[in-house]
Each structure stands twice: as structure tokens, then as C-alpha cells.
Amino acid sequence: MFNSLLTNAQRKKLIFFLLLTLLIRTLFSSFVGLIDDEAYHWSWTKELMLSYYDHPGMIAWLESLSTSVLGDTFWGVRLPSFLCYWGTVGLLWKLTFELFNEKSAWLAIFLFLWSPFYGFGGYVASPEAPFIFCWLAATWVFWQGVRPDSKQWTAAKTWIVLGFIMGLGLNSKLIMALIAPGFGIYLLSTPQRKVLLTRWPYYGILIATILCLPIFIWNIEFQWPGFYYQFYDRHTGREFSFNRWLVWLGAQFLFYTPVIFSLFLVILLKGLKKFNFKSLSAPHIQSKFIISLSIPSILMFYPQPLWADYKPHWSGAAHLILLMAACSQLVEWWEEKPKLAKSLLAGILAFYIPLNLMTYGPFLGPWLPQVARSLKPNVKWNSQWDLSNEFFGWQELGDKLLEMQKNYHRDQGLKPFLAALRYETTAQTYWGTLQKTFMLSSPRSHYTVVQKQRQILKGFTGQPALVVTTEKYPSDPRDYAKWDSCEPLEFKTYRSLFKQRELARTFTIWTCQNFQGLVKE
């Protein structure tokens, strides 16, 4: 047996690095503007509902609490996700320690904190933060109920607590449901299957179902759009494509690094090979636990790109469980095959370091266009090449819109309503102005679902509007709504570095007269 414990000196160094990571994330969250989806979910807090089109209501409910205390600020929006993310870090350390050992636990949280995928997720507010926290909390609680030692929880305690966590998780993201079959797979493959003959698992299911009533009530009111979107739209509508699956595979290597994703596959194959329905003894129990809880999501999302569109992060919760086993394998190899382990860790760092520099470096200032001009003076820089620009400019746009709205109201006696042509632009315009903004284009979002159901836009017939479009999504409001006329005004925002201004965003503000309804509902 290898030495899996750290010295006190090693722990102090790791704790210092952990605190440094916390400081960096705190500074980022304090000064960097909201990304599109952050603004979208924040806008939900202005009209609290039992659920929403894209996701259940948890993220909006939590942000409503934090913004009621901290106001409509970066921290007002981000605090709930920030706390959930660091709660996940603590749970990941504890669960990895209990399943494997201390070295694996520390390695797991640092790979989690700085991976291209999980790392960036820790900076932004999203439904993933409470969902991942609940996913890992459910995993930890289930382990307490099945662990083969004197610390095992009673069935009553395990399943009652699981019921509450599953209910909260499902109110964060419906994908939480995919961990439940994992519980069943594990129990059916061990002598602990007898717990399924007791009343406690079904009490847990009842509690989770009751907590999910807001999701059902909202979907009934709005004719089931959320369920249709999550369980049909996202999984159909495209032809079979092996090339799309290869793109998904490449994204997994990029998101997790080739070394870590390859380790996921190794853990899966090794675990499936020795999986059986009899043994409950160590060392196989940890492998059986990991495989059982991750396999439902793997079976759902690995084949998905063959016949439908996908999001690279959909299997992220299952990969988080595999990450614990991958770290245990790396620690074991470090003791038994140090050259191999060092090569693999070097391979991870070879991706982590440049990807983190490329991801976070541009937020320090607009230095990329200066570097580009020094390398290729004849190439005109496009501000869209710097993705960090998407986090900036919305406050300036908001000030400009409010000024134009005020002036129009003063001169014409009518106050234009605010609108945009995509959910992203609608949300960011809402955030920049802190004034209700309406979406005029036809693609489905929470905005269009509510507007259509409640016939909200009919109340603006005959009124003027200020409609926002961006250089990322250029479009003409006359293609989406009927007006007497629309006049565009270009509005640019800038970022500065060492007193040199660089173009960040180019918006177009359309002043449109006499709204007469949408061209297409």
C-alpha cells in the first residue's frame, strides 16, 4: 500500500494555493462584467416564477435573495453560484478522501479548480453551480448510506436527506434525474438491494416529487414548453452525423485536456470490465460506485451528437465523478510508476497553463490587438476576435439608451420601449439599463414564451421603440416586426490599457416608429 497522506508542510502549501485561487476568483467576480447567460438568468429575478423555459427556478430564486441584499451588482448576481461552487470544492475533497485517499482529494480539487471546463464555470453565475453542488451532495449522501463500515447511515436518514437534495437539484437542472438510475444500478448490483424492499427509498422519491411541483405547475400554465424543450427539442431534429460526434469528442479533449479525458475512458473501461453483481468487498466497491453513478449520463450524452445537437458540458456531472477515480489512479501511478505519472501530469499542465492564460489573460486589458498589430501590421484587428470583449460595454450601452429614451420622451411626448432581437442581447440590454426589455425575434426563449402566452407585446401597439443589435448578431428589426420606419445609430464602446483605447463593442441602436406587431410569432 502506497503512502496516501501528506505532510503538514505539504498541506500548508496546498492551503496557501487554495486561498490564492479563492482570491483570484473573488477579484474576477468583482470587476468583470456579466456574460450573456448571467444577464439572462438575472433578468428572471425581476419576475419570479415557479419555473422557467430553459431551466427550473433555483438560480432565479437564489439570485433574487442575493440581489435583494446586495442590489443589482456583480456580487448580487454571482454570490449564490460562487458559494455553491466552493461548496462543491469542499464536497469533492471530502468524497474523494472517503472513497480513496488524501492525495487524491487534493489533486481532484485543483484539477477541478483550474480545468478549462470546470474552472471557468466557477467564475460565472449559472444553474450549473447549484446543480453540480446538489449532484455531488447526493453522491456523498448516497455513499454514506452504502459505505461498508461502521459510519454507514441508516436507510431512513439516507433516503429522507436524498429526497430533499434530489428535489433541490431538479429545481436547478432537470438533468439531476440522471443520477437516480445510478443509485439503482449500484443497489441492484450489491446485496444492499434489499433496501429497495423497504419504504425509505419511496419516501425519498415522494419528497423529491413534492419539491418538483413548481416545475410541473409552471409547465401546465404555459402548455409544457420546458419539458418539450428539454426532452424533445434538444435530442431531435438533426440528421445522423459521425462528423458532429467527432467534433464533440474533440471538444471533450479540449475541455478536460487529452490526458484527463483519456483517463476518464480508462476508468470507464476498467470499471465496466470488473463490474459484477455479487461482490461488495474492497477494492471493487469504489469502482462499482463510480461506474454506477456515472454510466447513466454517459449512455445518454456520449451518443447524443450522432443524431442531434449537443452541448459539450452536458456530461460534466458524470465526469466529475470519474475525476475522483482518475485522480486516485494518478496518485497510485505516482507511487508505482513515477515516470508515467510525471509524464501525465506534465501533459495536463501543458494544456492547463496555456489554456488558462488564453482564457483569463485578455480580461486584464485589451492587449491582444496590440500584439496582433505588432506581429501583422497590415491586418485589421476585429474586436470579436477577443472573446473577453463580450463581458464589457453593456453599462455604457445602457446609459446611452436611457439618455436617448429620455430625450425622445422630452421631444416627442412618447416614451419608447426597449427591445432587442435575441435573448442574449435582450438580457444584456435589460442588465445595462435596469429597465424591462422585450425580445422581438421568433426563436424560443423564456422571454418569447411568456410574451406570447400573456400577449404582452399587444400593449405596445402604436408606440416607438429603441431596438438593440450587436456586431456579433447583426440584424434589422424590420425583419421581425412591423414599423413605419427604423433609423440606425452606431454606438461603440472601448477598453483601455496604458492610456491606449481599443474598440471593444459596436452596437446598433434602432429608433423605430409605430410598433404594429411581430412579423412572425
Protein backbone atom coordinates (compact mmCIF):
# COMPACT_ATOMS: atom_id res chain seq x y z
CA MET A 1 0.00 0.00 0.00
CA PHE A 2 1.44 3.39 -1.04
CA ASN A 3 1.61 6.38 1.26
CA SER A 4 -1.53 8.41 0.55
CA LEU A 5 -1.08 11.02 3.29
CA LEU A 6 0.53 14.44 3.02
CA THR A 7 2.99 16.03 5.41
CA ASN A 8 1.96 19.14 7.33
CA ALA A 9 4.32 21.24 5.21
CA GLN A 10 2.67 19.95 2.03
CA ARG A 11 -0.81 20.68 3.39
CA LYS A 12 0.17 24.26 4.26
CA LYS A 13 1.43 24.85 0.71
CA LEU A 14 -1.76 23.44 -0.77
CA ILE A 15 -3.95 25.51 1.53
CA PHE A 16 -1.98 28.64 0.54
CA PHE A 17 -2.52 27.84 -3.15
CA LEU A 18 -6.20 27.20 -2.47
CA LEU A 19 -6.55 30.61 -0.79
CA LEU A 20 -4.70 32.24 -3.68
CA THR A 21 -7.16 30.65 -6.10
CA LEU A 22 -10.05 31.95 -3.99
CA LEU A 23 -8.55 35.47 -4.09
CA ILE A 24 -8.15 35.39 -7.89
CA ARG A 25 -11.74 34.26 -8.36
CA THR A 26 -13.02 36.90 -5.95
CA LEU A 27 -11.24 39.66 -7.87
CA PHE A 28 -12.51 38.34 -11.21
CA SER A 29 -16.09 38.20 -9.97
CA SER A 30 -15.80 41.75 -8.62
CA PHE A 31 -14.62 43.52 -11.77
CA VAL A 32 -15.56 41.52 -14.88
CA GLY A 33 -18.97 42.16 -16.44
CA LEU A 34 -21.73 39.60 -16.81
CA ILE A 35 -21.73 37.12 -19.67
CA ASP A 36 -24.93 36.70 -21.69
CA ASP A 37 -26.44 33.81 -19.73
CA GLU A 38 -25.67 35.51 -16.41
CA ALA A 39 -27.71 38.52 -17.50
CA TYR A 40 -30.44 36.21 -18.82
CA HIS A 41 -30.84 34.38 -15.52
CA TRP A 42 -30.59 37.63 -13.54
CA SER A 43 -33.49 39.06 -15.58
CA TRP A 44 -35.66 36.18 -14.34
CA THR A 45 -35.37 37.60 -10.81
CA LYS A 46 -37.38 40.63 -11.92
CA GLU A 47 -40.45 38.44 -12.43
CA LEU A 48 -40.13 35.46 -10.15
CA MET A 49 -41.93 32.35 -11.36
CA LEU A 50 -42.26 28.75 -10.26
CA SER A 51 -40.05 27.66 -13.15
CA TYR A 52 -38.68 28.95 -16.46
CA TYR A 53 -38.47 27.84 -20.07
CA ASP A 54 -34.77 26.98 -20.18
CA HIS A 55 -34.31 25.73 -16.61
CA PRO A 56 -36.23 25.33 -13.36
CA GLY A 57 -36.31 28.23 -10.94
CA MET A 58 -33.48 27.64 -8.45
CA ILE A 59 -30.95 30.06 -9.96
CA ALA A 60 -33.54 32.86 -10.13
CA TRP A 61 -34.78 32.21 -6.58
CA LEU A 62 -31.25 32.30 -5.15
CA GLU A 63 -30.25 35.41 -7.09
CA SER A 64 -33.45 37.11 -6.01
CA LEU A 65 -32.33 36.68 -2.40
CA SER A 66 -28.78 37.89 -3.02
CA THR A 67 -29.78 40.90 -5.15
CA SER A 68 -32.36 41.91 -2.54
CA VAL A 69 -29.43 42.34 -0.13
CA LEU A 70 -26.54 43.36 -2.42
CA GLY A 71 -28.53 45.06 -5.17
CA ASP A 72 -28.21 44.55 -8.92
CA THR A 73 -24.42 44.27 -8.76
CA PHE A 74 -21.89 41.71 -9.92
CA TRP A 75 -21.81 40.16 -6.47
CA GLY A 76 -25.56 40.37 -6.13
CA VAL A 77 -25.80 38.16 -9.22
CA ARG A 78 -22.80 35.91 -8.61
CA LEU A 79 -22.80 35.25 -4.87
CA PRO A 80 -25.13 32.19 -4.90
CA SER A 81 -23.18 30.45 -7.66
CA PHE A 82 -19.89 31.43 -6.02
CA LEU A 83 -20.95 29.83 -2.72
CA CYS A 84 -22.32 26.72 -4.45
CA TYR A 85 -19.10 26.34 -6.41
CA TRP A 86 -16.92 26.46 -3.32
CA GLY A 87 -19.34 24.15 -1.55
CA THR A 88 -18.76 21.73 -4.42
CA VAL A 89 -15.00 22.04 -3.89
CA GLY A 90 -15.45 21.04 -0.25
CA LEU A 91 -17.72 18.11 -1.11
CA LEU A 92 -15.35 16.93 -3.84
CA TRP A 93 -12.44 16.91 -1.41
CA LYS A 94 -14.42 15.08 1.27
CA LEU A 95 -15.92 12.46 -1.04
CA THR A 96 -12.62 11.75 -2.80
CA PHE A 97 -10.91 11.45 0.58
CA GLU A 98 -13.54 8.99 1.82
CA LEU A 99 -13.55 6.92 -1.37
CA PHE A 100 -9.81 6.93 -1.97
CA ASN A 101 -7.22 8.95 -0.04
CA GLU A 102 -5.96 12.42 0.90
CA LYS A 103 -3.56 12.91 -2.00
CA SER A 104 -6.29 12.06 -4.49
CA ALA A 105 -8.62 14.53 -2.75
CA TRP A 106 -6.22 17.45 -3.10
CA LEU A 107 -5.39 16.57 -6.69
CA ALA A 108 -9.12 16.36 -7.53
CA ILE A 109 -9.97 19.84 -6.25
CA PHE A 110 -7.05 21.51 -8.03
CA LEU A 111 -7.81 19.80 -11.32
CA PHE A 112 -11.42 20.90 -10.79
CA LEU A 113 -10.49 24.48 -9.95
CA TRP A 114 -8.16 25.03 -12.90
CA SER A 115 -9.52 22.80 -15.65
CA PRO A 116 -10.61 24.62 -18.83
CA PHE A 117 -14.18 23.38 -18.26
CA TYR A 118 -14.87 23.28 -14.52
CA GLY A 119 -12.53 26.20 -13.84
CA PHE A 120 -14.30 28.84 -15.88
CA GLY A 121 -17.62 27.64 -14.52
CA GLY A 122 -16.50 28.88 -11.13
CA TYR A 123 -16.46 32.49 -12.28
CA VAL A 124 -19.95 32.90 -13.67
CA ALA A 125 -23.46 32.64 -12.27
CA SER A 126 -25.42 29.79 -13.83
CA PRO A 127 -27.84 26.95 -13.00
CA GLU A 128 -24.85 24.58 -13.21
CA ALA A 129 -23.47 25.82 -9.87
CA PRO A 130 -26.39 24.77 -7.61
CA PHE A 131 -26.98 21.71 -9.83
CA ILE A 132 -23.39 20.43 -9.52
CA PHE A 133 -23.45 21.12 -5.79
CA CYS A 134 -26.66 19.08 -5.41
CA TRP A 135 -25.30 16.34 -7.69
CA LEU A 136 -22.18 15.92 -5.58
CA ALA A 137 -24.16 16.29 -2.33
CA ALA A 138 -26.49 13.49 -3.47
CA THR A 139 -23.47 11.36 -4.37
CA TRP A 140 -21.92 11.93 -0.94
CA VAL A 141 -25.18 11.20 0.93
CA PHE A 142 -25.75 8.02 -1.08
CA TRP A 143 -22.21 6.91 -0.22
CA GLN A 144 -22.97 7.42 3.47
CA GLY A 145 -25.90 5.05 3.07
CA VAL A 146 -23.94 2.27 1.33
CA ARG A 147 -20.40 2.57 2.69
CA PRO A 148 -19.25 -0.77 4.13
CA ASP A 149 -18.10 0.40 7.56
CA SER A 150 -19.40 1.48 10.94
CA LYS A 151 -20.05 5.04 9.69
CA GLN A 152 -22.87 3.92 7.39
CA TRP A 153 -26.06 5.94 7.76
CA THR A 154 -29.41 4.34 8.40
CA ALA A 155 -31.72 3.84 5.42
CA ALA A 156 -34.21 6.33 6.86
CA LYS A 157 -31.65 9.11 7.21
CA THR A 158 -30.08 8.40 3.81
CA TRP A 159 -33.25 8.42 1.74
CA ILE A 160 -35.00 11.28 3.51
CA VAL A 161 -31.95 13.52 3.01
CA LEU A 162 -31.56 12.27 -0.57
CA GLY A 163 -35.17 13.15 -1.28
CA PHE A 164 -34.64 16.77 -0.27
CA ILE A 165 -31.35 17.05 -2.19
CA MET A 166 -32.82 15.48 -5.33
CA GLY A 167 -35.76 17.88 -5.17
CA LEU A 168 -33.47 20.89 -4.86
CA GLY A 169 -31.23 19.55 -7.63
CA LEU A 170 -34.14 19.00 -10.00
CA ASN A 171 -35.23 22.58 -9.34
CA SER A 172 -31.75 23.60 -10.52
CA LYS A 173 -31.49 21.44 -13.67
CA LEU A 174 -33.67 18.55 -14.81
CA ILE A 175 -30.55 16.58 -15.71
CA MET A 176 -30.28 15.88 -11.97
CA ALA A 177 -32.67 12.99 -12.65
CA LEU A 178 -29.84 11.03 -14.32
CA ILE A 179 -28.12 10.29 -11.03
CA ALA A 180 -31.15 8.37 -9.76
CA PRO A 181 -30.72 5.39 -12.15
CA GLY A 182 -27.12 5.27 -10.90
CA PHE A 183 -28.38 4.67 -7.38
CA GLY A 184 -30.49 1.81 -8.72
CA ILE A 185 -27.64 0.26 -10.71
CA TYR A 186 -25.41 0.26 -7.65
CA LEU A 187 -28.03 -1.18 -5.32
CA LEU A 188 -29.14 -3.89 -7.76
CA SER A 189 -25.53 -5.00 -8.21
CA THR A 190 -24.92 -5.48 -4.47
CA PRO A 191 -26.56 -7.29 -1.55
CA GLN A 192 -27.74 -3.84 -0.43
CA ARG A 193 -30.55 -4.18 -2.99
CA LYS A 194 -32.73 -5.26 -0.09
CA VAL A 195 -33.18 -1.60 0.87
CA LEU A 196 -35.41 -1.30 -2.21
CA LEU A 197 -37.91 -3.53 -0.41
CA THR A 198 -38.23 -1.01 2.42
CA ARG A 199 -40.38 2.12 2.41
CA TRP A 200 -37.49 4.60 2.71
CA PRO A 201 -36.44 4.97 -0.97
CA TYR A 202 -40.07 5.64 -1.87
CA TYR A 203 -40.40 8.27 0.84
CA GLY A 204 -37.36 9.91 -0.75
CA ILE A 205 -38.99 9.79 -4.18
CA LEU A 206 -42.17 11.30 -2.73
CA ILE A 207 -40.24 14.18 -1.12
CA ALA A 208 -38.39 14.91 -4.38
CA THR A 209 -41.64 14.82 -6.34
CA ILE A 210 -43.37 17.26 -3.98
CA LEU A 211 -40.42 19.64 -4.23
CA CYS A 212 -40.68 19.47 -8.03
CA LEU A 213 -44.32 20.61 -8.11
CA PRO A 214 -43.30 24.19 -9.10
CA ILE A 215 -41.80 22.80 -12.33
CA PHE A 216 -44.99 20.95 -13.22
CA ILE A 217 -47.32 23.80 -12.27
CA TRP A 218 -45.44 26.33 -14.41
CA ASN A 219 -45.29 23.97 -17.39
CA ILE A 220 -49.01 23.27 -17.12
CA GLU A 221 -49.74 27.02 -17.15
CA PHE A 222 -47.57 27.63 -20.23
CA GLN A 223 -48.51 24.40 -22.10
CA TRP A 224 -45.39 22.34 -21.25
CA PRO A 225 -42.73 24.34 -23.13
CA GLY A 226 -39.90 23.49 -20.71
CA PHE A 227 -40.47 19.75 -20.90
CA TYR A 228 -40.84 19.88 -24.67
CA TYR A 229 -37.58 21.82 -24.94
CA GLN A 230 -35.57 19.66 -22.54
CA PHE A 231 -36.82 16.22 -23.54
CA TYR A 232 -37.61 16.60 -27.25
CA ASP A 233 -36.13 19.67 -28.95
CA ARG A 234 -32.65 19.11 -27.57
CA HIS A 235 -32.49 15.49 -28.66
CA THR A 236 -34.07 15.51 -32.13
CA GLY A 237 -34.18 17.44 -35.34
CA ARG A 238 -30.83 16.68 -36.96
CA GLU A 239 -29.65 14.03 -39.37
CA PHE A 240 -27.19 11.30 -38.37
CA SER A 241 -23.66 12.73 -38.43
CA PHE A 242 -20.48 10.97 -37.39
CA ASN A 243 -18.54 14.18 -38.09
CA ARG A 244 -20.61 16.00 -35.45
CA TRP A 245 -19.74 13.26 -32.97
CA LEU A 246 -16.03 13.71 -33.78
CA VAL A 247 -16.36 17.43 -33.10
CA TRP A 248 -17.97 16.58 -29.75
CA LEU A 249 -15.08 14.20 -28.99
CA GLY A 250 -12.55 16.90 -29.83
CA ALA A 251 -14.38 19.28 -27.51
CA GLN A 252 -14.09 16.78 -24.67
CA PHE A 253 -10.32 16.55 -25.16
CA LEU A 254 -10.11 20.34 -25.17
CA PHE A 255 -12.46 20.84 -22.21
CA TYR A 256 -10.75 18.34 -19.92
CA THR A 257 -7.32 18.01 -21.62
CA PRO A 258 -6.39 14.86 -23.57
CA VAL A 259 -4.79 13.26 -20.51
CA ILE A 260 -7.77 13.67 -18.19
CA PHE A 261 -10.41 12.70 -20.75
CA SER A 262 -8.33 9.64 -21.72
CA LEU A 263 -8.18 8.75 -18.03
CA PHE A 264 -11.97 9.01 -17.89
CA LEU A 265 -12.20 6.46 -20.68
CA VAL A 266 -9.65 4.19 -18.99
CA ILE A 267 -11.57 4.34 -15.70
CA LEU A 268 -14.82 3.55 -17.52
CA LEU A 269 -13.39 0.58 -19.41
CA LYS A 270 -11.58 -0.85 -16.40
CA GLY A 271 -14.61 -0.37 -14.17
CA LEU A 272 -17.01 -1.99 -16.64
CA LYS A 273 -14.63 -4.90 -17.15
CA LYS A 274 -14.56 -5.83 -13.47
CA PHE A 275 -18.16 -4.82 -12.73
CA ASN A 276 -20.18 -7.69 -11.30
CA PHE A 277 -23.43 -8.20 -9.43
CA LYS A 278 -22.05 -10.12 -6.47
CA SER A 279 -19.01 -8.52 -4.92
CA LEU A 280 -19.32 -5.80 -2.29
CA SER A 281 -15.79 -6.02 -0.94
CA ALA A 282 -12.93 -3.57 -1.34
CA PRO A 283 -11.21 -2.59 -3.58
CA HIS A 284 -14.02 -3.17 -6.09
CA ILE A 285 -16.69 -1.24 -4.19
CA GLN A 286 -15.22 2.18 -5.07
CA SER A 287 -15.02 1.27 -8.74
CA LYS A 288 -18.59 -0.08 -8.72
CA PHE A 289 -19.79 3.10 -7.02
CA ILE A 290 -18.06 5.36 -9.56
CA ILE A 291 -19.24 3.42 -12.60
CA SER A 292 -22.83 3.05 -11.37
CA LEU A 293 -23.35 6.75 -10.75
CA SER A 294 -21.67 7.99 -13.93
CA ILE A 295 -22.91 5.47 -16.51
CA PRO A 296 -26.50 6.79 -16.99
CA SER A 297 -25.21 10.22 -18.09
CA ILE A 298 -22.52 8.61 -20.23
CA LEU A 299 -25.09 6.45 -22.02
CA MET A 300 -27.31 9.49 -22.55
CA PHE A 301 -24.83 12.09 -23.74
CA TYR A 302 -21.95 10.24 -25.41
CA PRO A 303 -24.11 9.04 -28.37
CA GLN A 304 -26.22 12.26 -28.46
CA PRO A 305 -24.10 14.12 -31.08
CA LEU A 306 -24.65 11.32 -33.60
CA TRP A 307 -28.25 12.39 -34.22
CA ALA A 308 -28.83 15.76 -32.51
CA ASP A 309 -27.22 18.99 -31.42
CA TYR A 310 -25.33 18.87 -28.15
CA LYS A 311 -23.60 20.97 -25.53
CA PRO A 312 -20.08 19.82 -24.61
CA HIS A 313 -20.76 20.28 -20.89
CA TRP A 314 -23.83 18.05 -20.62
CA SER A 315 -21.79 15.09 -19.38
CA GLY A 316 -19.84 17.28 -16.95
CA ALA A 317 -21.58 15.99 -13.83
CA ALA A 318 -20.76 12.38 -14.68
CA HIS A 319 -17.18 13.34 -15.47
CA LEU A 320 -16.89 14.95 -12.04
CA ILE A 321 -17.49 11.52 -10.51
CA LEU A 322 -14.96 9.95 -12.87
CA LEU A 323 -12.47 12.69 -11.94
CA MET A 324 -12.18 11.28 -8.42
CA ALA A 325 -11.20 7.86 -9.73
CA ALA A 326 -8.84 9.40 -12.30
CA CYS A 327 -7.02 11.28 -9.53
CA SER A 328 -6.76 8.11 -7.48
CA GLN A 329 -5.21 6.36 -10.48
CA LEU A 330 -2.69 9.18 -10.96
CA VAL A 331 -1.70 9.08 -7.29
CA GLU A 332 -1.29 5.30 -7.44
CA TRP A 333 0.89 5.57 -10.53
CA TRP A 334 2.93 8.31 -8.85
CA GLU A 335 3.99 5.71 -6.26
CA GLU A 336 4.26 2.69 -8.54
CA LYS A 337 5.13 4.19 -11.94
CA PRO A 338 6.55 7.64 -11.21
CA LYS A 339 7.84 8.28 -14.74
CA LEU A 340 4.42 7.59 -16.24
CA ALA A 341 2.64 9.72 -13.63
CA LYS A 342 5.04 12.63 -14.07
CA SER A 343 4.59 12.48 -17.84
CA LEU A 344 0.82 12.52 -17.49
CA LEU A 345 0.84 15.43 -15.03
CA ALA A 346 3.20 17.31 -17.34
CA GLY A 347 0.74 16.67 -20.16
CA ILE A 348 -2.08 18.08 -18.05
CA LEU A 349 -0.09 21.20 -17.19
CA ALA A 350 0.88 21.60 -20.85
CA PHE A 351 -2.80 22.22 -21.51
CA TYR A 352 -3.82 23.86 -18.24
CA ILE A 353 -1.24 26.65 -18.28
CA PRO A 354 -1.68 27.97 -21.86
CA LEU A 355 -5.46 27.49 -21.84
CA ASN A 356 -5.83 29.38 -18.57
CA LEU A 357 -3.54 32.15 -19.83
CA MET A 358 -5.54 32.41 -23.06
CA THR A 359 -8.85 32.34 -21.19
CA TYR A 360 -8.15 34.81 -18.39
CA GLY A 361 -5.29 36.91 -19.77
CA PRO A 362 -7.47 39.08 -22.06
CA PHE A 363 -9.54 40.21 -19.05
CA LEU A 364 -6.50 42.12 -17.74
CA GLY A 365 -6.87 44.58 -20.60
CA PRO A 366 -7.09 44.86 -24.40
CA TRP A 367 -3.52 43.77 -25.14
CA LEU A 368 -4.40 41.24 -27.85
CA PRO A 369 -4.96 43.84 -30.61
CA GLN A 370 -1.65 45.49 -29.71
CA VAL A 371 0.16 42.16 -30.00
CA ALA A 372 -1.62 41.38 -33.27
CA ARG A 373 -0.62 44.73 -34.80
CA SER A 374 2.99 44.24 -33.77
CA LEU A 375 3.05 40.82 -35.46
CA LYS A 376 0.98 41.70 -38.56
CA PRO A 377 0.72 45.48 -39.00
CA ASN A 378 -1.29 45.18 -42.23
CA VAL A 379 -4.06 43.03 -40.76
CA LYS A 380 -7.04 44.98 -39.43
CA TRP A 381 -7.98 43.81 -35.93
CA ASN A 382 -11.55 42.60 -35.41
CA SER A 383 -12.80 43.26 -31.88
CA GLN A 384 -14.81 40.00 -31.99
CA TRP A 385 -11.56 38.03 -32.01
CA ASP A 386 -11.14 38.93 -28.32
CA LEU A 387 -13.94 36.97 -26.62
CA SER A 388 -13.42 38.82 -23.35
CA ASN A 389 -14.99 41.89 -25.01
CA GLU A 390 -18.38 40.21 -24.68
CA PHE A 391 -18.24 40.83 -20.93
CA PHE A 392 -17.89 44.59 -21.37
CA GLY A 393 -19.77 47.56 -22.77
CA TRP A 394 -23.30 46.88 -21.57
CA GLN A 395 -23.30 49.51 -18.84
CA GLU A 396 -22.19 52.17 -21.35
CA LEU A 397 -24.85 50.98 -23.77
CA GLY A 398 -27.44 51.18 -21.01
CA ASP A 399 -26.51 54.77 -20.19
CA LYS A 400 -26.76 55.72 -23.88
CA LEU A 401 -30.17 54.05 -24.26
CA LEU A 402 -31.60 55.77 -21.19
CA GLU A 403 -30.32 59.12 -22.46
CA MET A 404 -31.92 58.56 -25.88
CA GLN A 405 -35.16 57.38 -24.29
CA LYS A 406 -35.28 60.47 -22.05
CA ASN A 407 -34.59 62.84 -24.96
CA TYR A 408 -37.19 61.21 -27.19
CA HIS A 409 -39.77 61.39 -24.42
CA ARG A 410 -38.98 65.08 -23.88
CA ASP A 411 -39.14 65.97 -27.59
CA GLN A 412 -41.96 63.70 -28.82
CA GLY A 413 -44.06 63.20 -25.73
CA LEU A 414 -43.84 59.39 -26.02
CA LYS A 415 -41.50 57.09 -24.08
CA PRO A 416 -40.01 54.39 -26.35
CA PHE A 417 -40.00 50.85 -25.01
CA LEU A 418 -36.74 48.91 -25.10
CA ALA A 419 -36.32 45.80 -27.26
CA ALA A 420 -33.72 43.50 -28.83
CA LEU A 421 -33.63 40.65 -31.33
CA ARG A 422 -32.02 37.77 -29.43
CA TYR A 423 -32.36 36.53 -25.87
CA GLU A 424 -28.67 37.30 -25.20
CA THR A 425 -28.96 40.91 -26.37
CA THR A 426 -32.33 41.33 -24.66
CA ALA A 427 -30.89 40.14 -21.34
CA GLN A 428 -27.77 42.30 -21.53
CA THR A 429 -29.80 45.37 -22.53
CA TYR A 430 -32.05 44.73 -19.53
CA TRP A 431 -28.96 44.48 -17.31
CA GLY A 432 -27.36 47.63 -18.74
CA THR A 433 -30.49 49.76 -18.37
CA LEU A 434 -32.17 48.02 -15.43
CA GLN A 435 -35.34 48.55 -17.44
CA LYS A 436 -37.63 45.84 -18.79
CA THR A 437 -36.54 44.88 -22.30
CA PHE A 438 -38.58 42.82 -24.76
CA MET A 439 -37.46 40.26 -27.33
CA LEU A 440 -38.87 40.74 -30.83
CA SER A 441 -37.35 37.81 -32.74
CA SER A 442 -39.05 34.42 -33.07
CA PRO A 443 -36.54 31.86 -31.63
CA ARG A 444 -37.94 30.42 -28.41
CA SER A 445 -36.64 31.64 -25.09
CA HIS A 446 -38.22 32.36 -21.74
CA TYR A 447 -38.96 35.87 -23.00
CA THR A 448 -40.89 34.77 -26.09
CA VAL A 449 -42.80 32.03 -24.24
CA VAL A 450 -44.09 34.45 -21.59
CA GLN A 451 -44.70 37.30 -24.04
CA LYS A 452 -46.78 35.13 -26.36
CA GLN A 453 -48.76 33.41 -23.61
CA ARG A 454 -49.65 36.70 -21.94
CA GLN A 455 -49.95 38.75 -25.16
CA ILE A 456 -47.64 41.35 -23.63
CA LEU A 457 -46.46 43.00 -26.85
CA LYS A 458 -50.00 43.90 -27.88
CA GLY A 459 -49.88 46.59 -25.22
CA PHE A 460 -47.15 48.41 -27.18
CA THR A 461 -49.07 48.77 -30.44
CA GLY A 462 -48.58 52.24 -31.90
CA GLN A 463 -45.61 53.07 -29.66
CA PRO A 464 -41.99 53.84 -30.60
CA ALA A 465 -39.10 51.62 -29.55
CA LEU A 466 -35.35 51.61 -29.17
CA VAL A 467 -34.14 48.27 -30.52
CA VAL A 468 -30.60 46.99 -29.86
CA THR A 469 -28.50 44.78 -32.13
CA THR A 470 -24.80 43.93 -31.89
CA GLU A 471 -21.89 43.26 -34.22
CA LYS A 472 -22.00 39.62 -33.07
CA TYR A 473 -25.65 39.22 -34.06
CA PRO A 474 -26.30 41.86 -36.73
CA SER A 475 -29.92 42.06 -37.87
CA ASP A 476 -32.64 44.50 -38.88
CA PRO A 477 -35.70 44.97 -36.61
CA ARG A 478 -37.86 45.47 -39.71
CA ASP A 479 -37.37 41.77 -40.46
CA TYR A 480 -39.04 40.83 -37.17
CA ALA A 481 -41.69 43.48 -36.51
CA LYS A 482 -43.85 45.95 -38.43
CA TRP A 483 -42.92 49.62 -38.11
CA ASP A 484 -43.47 52.84 -40.02
CA SER A 485 -39.70 53.36 -40.05
CA CYS A 486 -36.46 52.41 -38.28
CA GLU A 487 -33.30 54.56 -38.17
CA PRO A 488 -29.98 53.00 -37.04
CA LEU A 489 -27.38 54.68 -34.84
CA GLU A 490 -23.97 53.08 -34.35
CA PHE A 491 -22.66 53.15 -30.78
CA LYS A 492 -19.14 52.00 -29.91
CA THR A 493 -17.55 51.20 -26.57
CA TYR A 494 -13.86 50.99 -25.74
CA ARG A 495 -11.43 49.43 -23.28
CA SER A 496 -8.13 51.00 -22.26
CA LEU A 497 -4.65 49.69 -21.50
CA PHE A 498 -1.78 52.03 -20.66
CA LYS A 499 -3.83 55.02 -21.86
CA GLN A 500 -4.41 53.40 -25.26
CA ARG A 501 -8.05 52.85 -26.15
CA GLU A 502 -9.14 49.81 -28.11
CA LEU A 503 -12.53 49.22 -29.68
CA ALA A 504 -14.43 46.61 -27.67
CA ARG A 505 -18.04 46.54 -28.89
CA THR A 506 -20.08 48.00 -31.73
CA PHE A 507 -23.80 48.24 -31.05
CA THR A 508 -26.57 49.49 -33.27
CA ILE A 509 -29.48 51.33 -31.65
CA TRP A 510 -32.51 51.47 -33.91
CA THR A 511 -35.12 54.16 -33.32
CA CYS A 512 -38.32 52.60 -34.65
CA GLN A 513 -41.68 54.31 -35.08
CA ASN A 514 -45.21 52.94 -34.57
CA PHE A 515 -44.93 49.30 -33.50
CA GLN A 516 -47.61 47.22 -35.27
CA GLY A 517 -46.87 43.72 -34.05
CA LEU A 518 -44.43 40.94 -34.87
CA VAL A 519 -43.90 39.68 -38.40
CA LYS A 520 -43.75 36.10 -37.10
CA GLU A 521 -44.93 34.73 -33.77
